[in-house]
Protein backbone atom coordinates (compact mmCIF):
# COMPACT_ATOMS: atom_id res chain seq x y z
CA MET A 1 -89.59 7.67 -275.53
CA GLU A 2 -87.16 5.45 -277.40
CA THR A 3 -87.34 1.70 -277.83
CA PRO A 4 -84.21 -0.49 -277.41
CA GLY A 5 -83.67 -0.36 -281.19
CA GLY A 6 -83.49 3.44 -281.07
CA ALA A 7 -86.88 4.10 -282.70
CA LYS A 8 -89.23 6.59 -281.10
CA LYS A 9 -92.24 5.02 -279.41
CA ALA A 10 -95.63 6.69 -279.81
CA THR A 11 -97.26 7.51 -276.49
CA LYS A 12 -100.86 8.40 -275.79
CA SER A 13 -102.78 9.69 -272.81
CA VAL A 14 -105.43 7.49 -271.24
CA ARG A 15 -108.13 9.65 -272.80
CA GLU A 16 -106.57 9.33 -276.27
CA MET A 17 -106.27 5.59 -275.80
CA LEU A 18 -109.91 5.20 -274.76
CA GLU A 19 -111.03 7.18 -277.82
CA SER A 20 -108.68 5.43 -280.25
CA PRO A 21 -110.03 3.13 -282.98
CA GLU A 22 -107.63 0.38 -281.86
CA PHE A 23 -109.09 0.35 -278.35
CA ARG A 24 -112.67 0.46 -279.62
CA ARG A 25 -111.94 -2.40 -282.04
CA LEU A 26 -110.42 -4.46 -279.20
CA VAL A 27 -113.43 -3.85 -276.94
CA SER A 28 -115.78 -4.75 -279.77
CA LYS A 29 -113.86 -7.95 -280.51
CA ARG A 30 -113.90 -8.97 -276.84
CA TRP A 31 -117.65 -8.35 -276.59
CA THR A 32 -118.29 -10.33 -279.76
CA VAL A 33 -116.31 -13.33 -278.54
CA SER A 34 -117.90 -13.15 -275.08
CA VAL A 35 -121.45 -12.86 -276.44
CA VAL A 36 -120.99 -15.71 -278.94
CA LEU A 37 -119.56 -18.04 -276.29
CA THR A 38 -122.27 -17.04 -273.80
CA ILE A 39 -125.00 -17.72 -276.35
CA LEU A 40 -123.47 -21.12 -277.12
CA LEU A 41 -123.36 -21.93 -273.41
CA PHE A 42 -127.01 -20.87 -272.95
CA ILE A 43 -128.09 -22.98 -275.92
CA LEU A 44 -126.16 -25.95 -274.52
CA TYR A 45 -127.46 -25.63 -270.96
CA TYR A 46 -131.03 -24.53 -271.62
CA GLY A 47 -131.32 -26.96 -274.52
CA TYR A 48 -130.58 -29.76 -272.07
CA ILE A 49 -133.02 -28.35 -269.51
CA LEU A 50 -135.75 -28.03 -272.17
CA LEU A 51 -135.03 -31.58 -273.29
CA ILE A 52 -135.56 -32.73 -269.72
CA GLY A 53 -138.84 -30.85 -269.57
CA TYR A 54 -140.25 -31.76 -272.95
CA ASP A 55 -138.84 -35.17 -273.92
CA LYS A 56 -138.30 -37.25 -270.79
CA ALA A 57 -138.90 -40.40 -272.84
CA LEU A 58 -135.80 -39.70 -274.94
CA LEU A 59 -133.60 -39.08 -271.92
CA SER A 60 -134.93 -42.14 -270.09
CA ARG A 61 -133.97 -44.48 -272.95
CA LYS A 62 -131.55 -47.12 -271.76
CA ILE A 63 -128.17 -47.21 -273.51
CA GLY A 64 -126.69 -49.79 -271.22
CA GLU A 65 -127.79 -52.08 -268.48
CA TYR A 66 -128.06 -49.28 -265.92
CA THR A 67 -127.42 -46.09 -267.87
CA THR A 68 -129.97 -43.86 -269.57
CA LEU A 69 -129.28 -41.37 -272.35
CA GLY A 70 -129.77 -38.47 -269.92
CA LEU A 71 -126.58 -39.22 -267.99
CA PRO A 72 -124.06 -38.99 -270.85
CA LEU A 73 -125.91 -35.96 -272.23
CA GLY A 74 -125.62 -34.25 -268.83
CA VAL A 75 -121.93 -35.06 -268.67
CA ALA A 76 -121.56 -33.71 -272.23
CA VAL A 77 -123.14 -30.40 -271.15
CA ILE A 78 -120.55 -30.08 -268.36
CA VAL A 79 -117.61 -31.09 -270.56
CA LEU A 80 -118.68 -28.81 -273.40
CA SER A 81 -118.99 -25.88 -271.00
CA TRP A 82 -115.37 -26.52 -270.02
CA VAL A 83 -114.46 -26.64 -273.71
CA LEU A 84 -116.07 -23.24 -274.24
CA THR A 85 -114.05 -21.89 -271.31
CA VAL A 86 -110.85 -23.32 -272.83
CA VAL A 87 -111.73 -21.73 -276.18
CA TYR A 88 -112.05 -18.34 -274.47
CA VAL A 89 -108.77 -18.74 -272.58
CA ILE A 90 -106.90 -19.76 -275.73
CA TRP A 91 -108.39 -16.82 -277.65
CA ALA A 92 -107.53 -14.42 -274.84
CA ASN A 93 -103.96 -15.67 -274.53
CA ARG A 94 -103.26 -15.64 -278.27
CA SER A 95 -105.19 -12.61 -279.45
CA TYR A 96 -106.63 -10.40 -276.72
CA ASP A 97 -103.76 -10.24 -274.20
CA PRO A 98 -101.08 -9.29 -276.79
CA GLU A 99 -103.36 -6.51 -278.10
CA VAL A 100 -103.94 -5.22 -274.55
CA LYS A 101 -100.19 -5.23 -273.93
CA LYS A 102 -99.59 -3.36 -277.19
CA LEU A 103 -102.11 -0.71 -276.21
CA LYS A 104 -100.73 -0.43 -272.65
CA ASP A 105 -97.25 0.08 -274.06
CA GLN A 106 -98.54 3.13 -275.98
CA LEU A 107 -99.66 4.94 -272.80
CA LYS A 108 -97.66 7.89 -271.48
């Protein structure tokens, strides 16, 4: 198969692609990113839950006339979980998706 510039394009079967080091590296990278972000999310969420369970006095401290520290911390957990999602989407769009496209283009 030739590319628009006239160069021959390497093609692989699905089996060759699945066994290729490029594919294995991509899968490994995706798992690493997913596991790291999942661990961060668990630490964030379960850290807040454990704080509720073990230090209610801290969370019940007033930081305003009607607001306690627990409310902004709860909102921070939600916002930071969105931030972790955005981090994954940005990583996927900039790094993962172009690599997937490159590998797909090599298939027969």
